[in-house]
């Protein structure tokens, strides 16, 4: 588990200030988006405070492999240090020595 304060973000980030409210407002049940490009930008802005996976990158075309660099860069969004994320990845066998090809193959299988 990351962090030591135990506060957590709740299920799907529900305990994060503003996050749950933003997603509720953006729900298609609440708002029918007329401009899909603007809607996509608003969704990307809403998830940005918790986005440690590099989501909403148009060049990814909704296909996301495993990239530890995204998680390391987003450590602060999880309220933990980069060193804590590095220790977690190492404990899971996903530390610096992990072959990038293995990570890419996991993404390919998902497609």
Protein backbone atom coordinates (compact mmCIF):
# COMPACT_ATOMS: atom_id res chain seq x y z
CA UNK A 1 0.00 0.00 0.00
CA UNK A 2 1.26 3.44 -0.84
CA UNK A 3 1.42 6.21 1.74
CA UNK A 4 1.33 5.97 5.46
CA UNK A 5 -1.51 8.27 6.46
CA UNK A 6 -4.21 5.78 5.43
CA UNK A 7 -6.46 8.56 4.15
CA UNK A 8 -6.86 7.03 0.72
CA UNK A 9 -8.90 8.37 -2.16
CA UNK A 10 -11.97 6.22 -1.64
CA UNK A 11 -13.48 3.94 -4.24
CA UNK A 12 -12.70 5.32 -7.71
CA UNK A 13 -11.42 8.56 -6.16
CA UNK A 14 -14.77 9.44 -4.54
CA UNK A 15 -13.02 10.95 -1.50
CA UNK A 16 -10.90 13.31 -3.62
CA UNK A 17 -12.07 16.92 -3.39
CA UNK A 18 -13.95 17.93 -6.50
CA UNK A 19 -13.28 14.71 -8.43
CA UNK A 20 -16.57 12.90 -7.79
CA UNK A 21 -18.54 16.11 -8.33
CA UNK A 22 -16.80 16.82 -11.62
CA UNK A 23 -17.50 13.33 -12.91
CA UNK A 24 -21.12 13.55 -11.80
CA UNK A 25 -21.53 16.82 -13.70
CA UNK A 26 -19.92 15.26 -16.78
CA UNK A 27 -22.11 12.16 -16.73
CA UNK A 28 -24.03 11.72 -19.99
CA UNK A 29 -27.10 11.20 -17.78
CA UNK A 30 -26.71 14.80 -16.58
CA UNK A 31 -25.33 16.51 -19.66
CA UNK A 32 -25.64 15.55 -23.29
CA UNK A 33 -22.42 16.81 -24.88
CA UNK A 34 -22.95 18.73 -28.10
CA UNK A 35 -19.25 19.34 -28.76
CA UNK A 36 -17.43 16.04 -28.23
CA UNK A 37 -13.98 17.65 -28.45
CA UNK A 38 -14.80 20.12 -25.68
CA UNK A 39 -16.40 17.32 -23.65
CA UNK A 40 -13.26 15.17 -24.00
CA UNK A 41 -11.11 18.10 -22.78
CA UNK A 42 -13.42 18.61 -19.79
CA UNK A 43 -13.20 14.91 -18.90
CA UNK A 44 -9.39 15.03 -19.22
CA UNK A 45 -9.28 18.09 -16.95
CA UNK A 46 -11.56 16.38 -14.41
CA UNK A 47 -9.45 13.23 -14.15
CA UNK A 48 -6.09 15.02 -14.26
CA UNK A 49 -5.71 15.30 -10.46
CA UNK A 50 -5.69 11.48 -10.22
CA UNK A 51 -4.44 10.52 -13.67
CA UNK A 52 -1.30 8.49 -13.08
CA UNK A 53 -1.77 6.30 -16.14
CA UNK A 54 -1.49 8.87 -18.89
CA UNK A 55 -5.17 8.58 -19.82
CA UNK A 56 -6.79 10.88 -22.39
CA UNK A 57 -3.79 11.06 -24.67
CA UNK A 58 -5.26 11.21 -28.19
CA UNK A 59 -2.19 9.53 -29.68
CA UNK A 60 -2.90 6.44 -27.55
CA UNK A 61 -6.31 5.91 -29.22
CA UNK A 62 -7.58 4.46 -25.93
CA UNK A 63 -4.91 1.73 -25.88
CA UNK A 64 -2.72 1.96 -22.81
CA UNK A 65 0.28 -0.19 -22.12
CA UNK A 66 2.17 -0.35 -18.88
CA UNK A 67 4.47 2.61 -18.35
CA UNK A 68 6.07 2.93 -14.93
CA UNK A 69 7.23 6.43 -15.88
CA UNK A 70 3.60 7.61 -15.80
CA UNK A 71 3.11 6.20 -12.31
CA UNK A 72 6.39 7.66 -11.08
CA UNK A 73 5.59 11.07 -12.56
CA UNK A 74 2.13 10.99 -10.94
CA UNK A 75 3.26 9.95 -7.46
CA UNK A 76 2.33 13.35 -6.03
CA UNK A 77 -1.22 12.93 -7.33
CA UNK A 78 -1.47 9.87 -5.09
CA UNK A 79 -0.07 11.78 -2.14
CA UNK A 80 3.13 9.74 -2.02
CA UNK A 81 6.74 10.25 -2.96
CA UNK A 82 8.44 8.96 -6.07
CA UNK A 83 10.63 6.81 -3.80
CA UNK A 84 7.53 5.13 -2.33
CA UNK A 85 6.27 4.28 -5.81
CA UNK A 86 9.72 2.96 -6.75
CA UNK A 87 9.72 0.72 -3.65
CA UNK A 88 6.23 -0.56 -4.47
CA UNK A 89 7.17 -1.33 -8.08
CA UNK A 90 10.34 -3.07 -6.91
CA UNK A 91 8.35 -5.18 -4.41
CA UNK A 92 6.02 -6.23 -7.25
CA UNK A 93 8.94 -7.21 -9.47
CA UNK A 94 8.35 -4.20 -11.71
CA UNK A 95 11.40 -2.18 -10.77
CA UNK A 96 14.04 -0.63 -13.02
CA UNK A 97 15.29 -3.98 -14.31
CA UNK A 98 11.95 -4.94 -15.90
CA UNK A 99 12.25 -5.51 -19.62
CA UNK A 100 10.32 -2.86 -21.60
CA UNK A 101 9.42 -5.52 -24.15
CA UNK A 102 7.56 -7.43 -21.44
CA UNK A 103 5.57 -4.29 -20.63
CA UNK A 104 4.78 -3.71 -24.31
CA UNK A 105 3.70 -7.34 -24.77
CA UNK A 106 1.22 -6.94 -21.92
CA UNK A 107 -0.31 -3.98 -23.76
CA UNK A 108 -0.40 -5.91 -27.05
CA UNK A 109 -2.25 -8.82 -25.45
CA UNK A 110 -4.86 -6.37 -24.14
CA UNK A 111 -5.60 -5.19 -27.70
